[in-house]
Protein backbone atom coordinates (compact mmCIF):
# COMPACT_ATOMS: atom_id res chain seq x y z
CA MET A 1 54.98 116.60 18.76
CA THR A 2 58.24 116.02 20.10
CA PRO A 3 59.17 112.00 19.93
CA ALA A 4 59.37 112.60 24.37
CA ARG A 5 55.68 114.20 23.81
CA ARG A 6 54.57 111.05 21.51
CA ASP A 7 55.91 108.11 23.92
CA ILE A 8 53.83 109.64 27.34
CA LEU A 9 50.93 109.76 25.15
CA THR A 10 51.61 105.58 23.94
CA ARG A 11 52.47 104.34 27.15
CA LYS A 12 49.48 106.36 28.82
CA ARG A 13 47.03 104.83 26.28
CA GLN A 14 48.53 101.10 26.86
CA ARG A 15 47.57 102.06 30.61
CA GLU A 16 44.28 102.84 30.06
CA SER A 17 43.90 99.90 27.88
CA LEU A 18 44.56 97.88 30.88
CA PRO A 19 42.72 99.17 33.47
CA TRP A 20 43.04 95.91 35.52
CA GLU A 21 46.72 96.97 36.21
CA ARG A 22 45.26 99.84 38.12
CA ASP A 23 43.04 99.44 41.76
CA MET A 24 41.58 95.89 41.27
CA THR A 25 41.13 95.41 44.35
CA LEU A 26 38.58 95.77 47.51
CA CYS A 27 39.35 96.77 50.68
CA ILE A 28 37.20 97.65 53.62
CA ALA A 29 38.17 99.64 57.10
CA ALA A 30 35.03 99.81 59.24
CA ALA A 31 35.01 101.07 62.62
CA SER A 32 32.42 99.22 65.68
CA ARG A 33 32.14 98.39 69.14
CA GLU A 34 32.24 94.78 70.10
CA ASP A 35 30.55 94.84 74.03
CA GLY A 36 31.42 98.78 74.11
CA ALA A 37 35.09 98.26 73.17
CA PRO A 38 36.42 99.78 69.95
CA ARG A 39 37.20 97.55 67.08
CA ILE A 40 37.66 98.12 63.78
CA VAL A 41 37.08 95.28 61.13
CA LEU A 42 39.35 94.92 58.05
CA ALA A 43 38.63 93.11 55.04
CA ALA A 44 40.72 92.45 51.44
CA ASP A 45 40.12 90.59 48.90
CA LEU A 46 43.06 88.11 47.51
CA ARG A 47 42.73 88.75 43.80
CA VAL A 48 46.70 89.43 42.43
CA GLU A 49 47.03 90.29 38.52
CA ILE A 50 49.37 90.65 36.66
CA GLY A 51 49.44 91.32 32.10
CA TRP A 52 46.08 88.94 31.06
CA ILE A 53 46.55 86.70 34.64
CA GLY A 54 46.03 86.41 37.90
CA ALA A 55 44.89 84.39 41.09
CA ASP A 56 43.35 84.46 44.30
CA VAL A 57 47.05 84.50 46.04
CA GLY A 58 47.53 87.99 47.37
CA PHE A 59 47.42 89.27 51.36
CA LYS A 60 46.46 92.89 51.05
CA LEU A 61 47.27 93.44 54.55
CA SER A 62 50.44 95.03 55.85
CA TRP A 63 51.37 97.84 58.44
CA LEU A 64 51.96 101.17 58.47
CA THR A 65 53.97 101.09 61.93
CA LYS A 66 53.21 99.89 65.26
CA ASN A 67 49.57 99.02 66.29
CA TRP A 68 48.81 100.84 62.77
CA PRO A 69 47.41 97.92 59.99
CA ALA A 70 47.44 98.90 56.26
CA LEU A 71 45.41 97.49 53.33
CA LEU A 72 46.55 97.90 49.82
CA ALA A 73 45.05 98.09 46.83
CA GLY A 74 46.60 99.24 42.89
CA ASN A 75 50.15 98.18 42.49
CA VAL A 76 51.40 96.21 45.42
CA ALA A 77 55.01 96.35 44.95
CA SER A 78 54.78 100.01 44.51
CA ALA A 79 52.49 100.06 48.12
CA ARG A 80 55.02 98.13 49.95
CA GLU A 81 57.66 100.45 48.87
CA LEU A 82 55.53 103.52 50.02
CA LEU A 83 55.07 101.72 53.40
CA GLN A 84 58.35 101.20 54.18
CA THR A 85 59.11 104.95 53.38
CA TYR A 86 56.18 105.26 56.19
CA ASP A 87 57.80 102.94 59.02
CA SER A 88 61.19 104.17 58.25
CA ALA A 89 59.46 108.09 59.01
CA LEU A 90 57.97 106.85 61.81
CA ASP A 91 60.01 104.78 63.18
CA GLY A 92 59.67 105.31 67.04
CA THR A 93 57.40 108.44 66.40
CA GLU A 94 54.03 107.63 68.58
CA LEU A 95 50.28 108.73 66.57
CA THR A 96 48.11 110.82 68.65
CA GLU A 97 44.80 112.70 68.11
CA SER A 98 47.41 115.77 67.85
CA ASN A 99 49.99 114.85 65.45
CA LEU A 100 47.92 112.27 63.20
CA TYR A 101 47.51 114.68 60.14
CA SER A 102 51.16 115.66 59.82
CA GLU A 103 52.88 112.37 60.48
CA LEU A 104 50.80 110.72 58.04
CA LYS A 105 51.35 113.73 55.58
CA THR A 106 54.82 114.10 55.71
CA PRO A 107 56.15 110.79 54.39
CA ALA A 108 53.77 111.32 51.76
CA GLU A 109 55.51 114.25 50.81
CA ARG A 110 58.62 112.58 51.27
CA HIS A 111 57.71 109.84 48.77
CA LYS A 112 56.96 112.31 46.01
CA LEU A 113 59.45 113.93 45.72
CA ALA A 114 61.63 110.11 46.03
CA LEU A 115 59.55 109.41 43.42
CA CYS A 116 60.29 112.84 41.01
CA ASP A 117 64.26 112.52 42.10
CA HIS A 118 64.44 108.82 40.99
CA HIS A 119 62.81 109.85 37.43
CA VAL A 120 65.00 113.02 36.47
CA ARG A 121 67.85 110.56 37.86
CA MET A 122 67.37 107.87 35.25
CA LYS A 123 66.15 110.18 32.49
CA LEU A 124 68.91 112.68 32.60
CA GLY A 125 71.27 111.59 35.18
CA VAL A 126 70.52 114.93 37.09
CA SER A 127 69.26 115.15 40.89
CA TYR A 128 65.51 116.33 41.37
CA SER A 129 66.73 119.81 42.79
CA GLU A 130 69.60 120.21 40.07
CA PHE A 131 66.92 119.75 37.61
CA ILE A 132 64.78 122.46 39.06
CA GLN A 133 67.43 124.48 39.88
CA HIS A 134 69.27 124.47 36.53
CA GLY A 135 67.36 122.65 33.92
CA LYS A 136 66.79 124.77 32.07
CA ALA A 137 70.34 125.84 31.24
CA TYR A 138 71.18 122.38 31.19
CA PHE A 139 68.67 120.56 28.55
CA SER A 140 66.62 121.96 25.76
CA GLU A 141 63.20 123.75 25.95
CA THR A 142 61.73 120.36 25.36
CA VAL A 143 63.52 118.33 26.84
CA PHE A 144 62.84 120.69 30.04
CA ARG A 145 58.92 121.27 29.45
CA ASP A 146 58.71 117.51 28.64
CA THR A 147 60.25 116.53 31.90
CA GLU A 148 58.40 118.61 34.33
CA SER A 149 55.32 117.60 32.58
CA GLU A 150 56.41 113.86 33.68
CA VAL A 151 57.21 114.66 37.17
CA ARG A 152 53.87 116.33 38.01
CA ALA A 153 52.00 112.96 36.04
CA LEU A 154 53.47 111.03 38.73
CA ASN A 155 52.01 108.82 41.46
CA PHE A 156 52.09 106.74 43.91
CA ASP A 157 50.63 103.89 41.43
CA CYS A 158 48.35 102.68 44.72
CA ASP A 159 46.00 103.65 47.15
CA LEU A 160 46.07 102.87 51.02
CA ILE A 161 43.57 102.71 54.16
CA VAL A 162 45.39 103.01 57.62
CA CYS A 163 43.90 102.75 60.73
CA GLY A 164 44.78 102.45 64.18
CA PHE A 165 43.75 103.34 68.14
CA PRO A 166 45.76 106.23 68.84
CA SER A 167 45.87 107.80 72.10
CA SER A 168 44.86 111.05 73.40
CA ASP A 169 45.19 113.31 76.64
CA TYR A 170 41.10 113.23 76.52
CA ALA A 171 40.17 110.18 78.38
CA ALA A 172 37.19 109.76 76.67
CA ARG A 173 38.62 110.71 73.37
CA LYS A 174 41.20 107.37 74.48
CA HIS A 175 41.18 104.46 71.92
CA VAL A 176 39.35 106.10 69.84
CA PRO A 177 39.07 104.45 65.99
CA ARG A 178 40.34 106.09 63.51
CA ILE A 179 40.53 105.80 59.67
CA PHE A 180 42.59 107.30 57.40
CA THR A 181 42.96 106.74 53.49
CA ILE A 182 46.12 107.83 51.40
CA SER A 183 45.31 108.39 47.86
CA ASP A 184 47.78 107.87 44.25
CA ASN A 185 48.40 111.02 44.62
CA GLY A 186 49.50 112.01 48.27
CA GLU A 187 45.98 112.84 49.72
CA VAL A 188 45.67 112.28 53.05
CA CYS A 189 41.74 111.73 54.38
CA ARG A 190 40.41 111.10 57.58
CA HIS A 191 36.83 108.87 57.53
CA ASP A 192 34.54 109.01 60.30
CA ASN A 193 32.51 105.43 60.01
CA PHE A 194 34.58 103.62 56.92
CA ALA A 195 36.48 103.44 54.14
CA THR A 196 37.26 101.91 50.74
CA ILE A 197 39.77 101.89 48.36
CA GLY A 198 39.91 99.83 44.83
CA SER A 199 37.77 99.04 41.93
CA GLY A 200 35.29 97.52 43.58
CA SER A 201 34.81 101.22 46.08
CA GLY A 202 31.74 102.15 44.14
CA ILE A 203 29.58 99.09 44.86
CA ALA A 204 30.36 99.04 48.24
CA ASN A 205 30.17 102.56 49.28
CA SER A 206 26.65 101.71 48.37
CA VAL A 207 26.10 98.54 50.30
CA LEU A 208 27.99 100.55 53.25
CA TYR A 209 25.59 103.44 52.98
CA GLN A 210 22.10 101.59 52.39
CA ARG A 211 22.89 100.22 55.98
CA GLN A 212 23.46 102.86 57.22
CA LEU A 213 27.05 101.20 59.14
CA THR A 214 28.30 103.88 61.86
CA ASP A 215 31.10 103.37 63.92
CA TYR A 216 28.69 102.68 67.13
CA ALA A 217 27.16 99.67 65.31
CA THR A 218 27.91 96.11 66.76
CA LEU A 219 30.76 94.05 66.13
CA GLU A 220 28.38 91.26 64.78
CA ARG A 221 26.41 93.71 62.41
CA THR A 222 29.00 95.66 61.19
CA LEU A 223 30.98 92.06 59.93
CA TYR A 224 28.07 91.53 57.95
CA VAL A 225 27.34 94.49 56.62
CA VAL A 226 31.26 94.41 55.57
CA TYR A 227 30.58 90.93 54.11
CA GLU A 228 27.65 91.82 52.47
CA ALA A 229 29.82 94.93 50.74
CA MET A 230 33.13 92.16 49.72
CA LYS A 231 29.94 90.18 48.41
CA LEU A 232 28.05 91.97 46.25
CA ALA A 233 31.33 93.68 44.99
CA ASN A 234 32.95 91.19 43.07
CA SER A 235 31.66 91.58 39.89
CA ALA A 236 32.96 95.39 39.60
CA PRO A 237 36.46 94.35 37.24
CA GLY A 238 39.32 92.40 38.83
CA VAL A 239 37.82 92.38 42.42
CA GLY A 240 38.38 88.36 43.79
CA ARG A 241 35.88 86.15 45.18
CA ARG A 242 37.99 85.23 48.08
CA ILE A 243 38.73 87.66 51.02
CA ASN A 244 40.25 87.91 54.34
CA ILE A 245 38.31 89.84 56.82
CA ILE A 246 40.10 90.77 60.17
CA VAL A 247 38.94 92.19 63.43
CA THR A 248 41.65 94.52 65.62
CA SER A 249 41.73 96.10 69.07
CA PRO A 250 43.17 98.82 71.09
CA PRO A 251 46.26 97.92 72.30
CA ASP A 252 46.48 96.42 75.58
CA GLU A 253 48.47 97.44 78.87
CA THR A 254 51.41 96.31 77.07
CA GLY A 255 51.27 97.71 73.79
CA PHE A 256 50.21 94.26 72.86
CA VAL A 257 47.03 94.57 69.64
CA ARG A 258 45.16 91.44 69.67
CA SER A 259 43.57 90.33 66.43
CA ARG A 260 41.23 87.44 65.57
CA MET A 261 40.84 86.52 61.76
CA LEU A 262 37.06 85.70 60.68
CA SER A 263 37.12 81.20 60.25
CA THR A 264 36.07 78.69 58.10
CA ASP A 265 33.01 78.35 60.50
CA GLY A 266 32.32 82.01 60.24
CA PHE A 267 32.35 82.71 56.55
CA LYS A 268 29.86 79.53 56.56
CA ARG A 269 27.31 82.27 59.13
CA GLN A 270 27.91 84.99 56.87
CA ASP A 271 27.04 83.45 54.04
CA GLU A 272 23.93 82.44 55.81
CA LEU A 273 23.23 85.72 57.24
CA PHE A 274 23.80 86.53 53.32
CA ASP A 275 21.08 83.99 52.12
CA LYS A 276 18.40 85.76 54.57
CA TYR A 277 19.49 89.64 54.21
CA ALA A 278 21.17 90.03 50.67
CA PRO A 279 19.35 91.93 47.36
CA LYS A 280 17.50 88.36 45.83
CA GLU A 281 16.71 87.91 42.47
CA LEU A 282 13.98 88.78 40.79
CA ASP A 283 11.06 86.92 40.36
CA THR A 284 8.26 86.95 37.24
CA LEU A 285 6.81 90.35 38.76
CA PRO A 286 3.01 91.13 37.97
CA PRO A 287 1.22 93.48 35.45
CA ILE A 288 1.10 97.05 35.91
CA SER A 289 -2.20 98.25 37.02
CA ALA A 290 -3.87 101.03 34.74
CA ASP A 291 -4.54 102.93 37.62
CA SER A 292 -0.52 103.08 38.54
CA LEU A 293 0.44 105.41 35.66
CA LEU A 294 -0.69 108.51 35.51
CA ALA A 295 -0.87 110.41 31.77
CA ILE A 296 0.82 113.47 31.56
CA GLY A 297 -0.31 116.32 29.41
CA THR A 298 -3.09 116.23 26.91
CA PRO A 299 -3.71 115.20 23.47
CA PRO A 300 -3.22 117.77 20.73
CA PRO A 301 -6.71 118.62 19.18
CA SER A 302 -7.57 116.71 15.95
CA GLU A 303 -7.39 118.60 13.06
CA GLU A 304 -10.68 118.98 10.94
CA PRO A 305 -10.95 117.99 7.82
CA GLN A 306 -11.40 120.61 5.50
CA GLN A 307 -14.60 121.14 3.44
């Protein structure tokens, strides 16, 4: 094994032994309705951890571009760098129903190329383009192969949820809530009702699906179900107990997006609902009755003693 390959595997093992350095959070976006008008409920915990220490002090809501909020999971610094790429690429671009996918994919591709270029420049002192064109002539086969492997393994080190109310030429689809995730490998995926990212996603998704949350649910129901999912998922590694919940609306006639944050009284109300509707601790259960379980199969015949 070459020294470069050994170094890659060592760093990989170090990352795997410290799982809280990746995706240690929970973010949820859910489409909803308030008096028939579309809304999106955004929720995120406040947990930020670095190495062996952390605190509930992070604000994980930012902006992808104008009127498009973004929730961050994973490495916060990497997420903000990715958002900067999107903000620069989408400056002056209106996201519509017809251009959403293409406009969201292009900055991800640009960002991956920038990461590749930076990695190769820092390691070898040449651009990524020059490495691809002339790397086999400039460097040994081992260096070229190891660098190529490192480039393939590069990712964004973060995940995003981005959402908004894109304009449309069709009145029935104007300002319909749209929710997307951008994964650490650059994949852009649309979600119809809700989306989650972070280490608590598995638990949160089970709650959201079990509650059958849809984009036509009332704001009251959506707020509670999202709160319940956040509350139940805080048992996952790295998910904080303190959370923010924000409700966003389509832009008004002036282009202003009105957002509201759940207040202290609002959280008290959700706690009351949680005490009433959330899963309860089990008391001592009655014994199983004899007719609750049926025998399967027949016992083997007993052997007759030989005479």
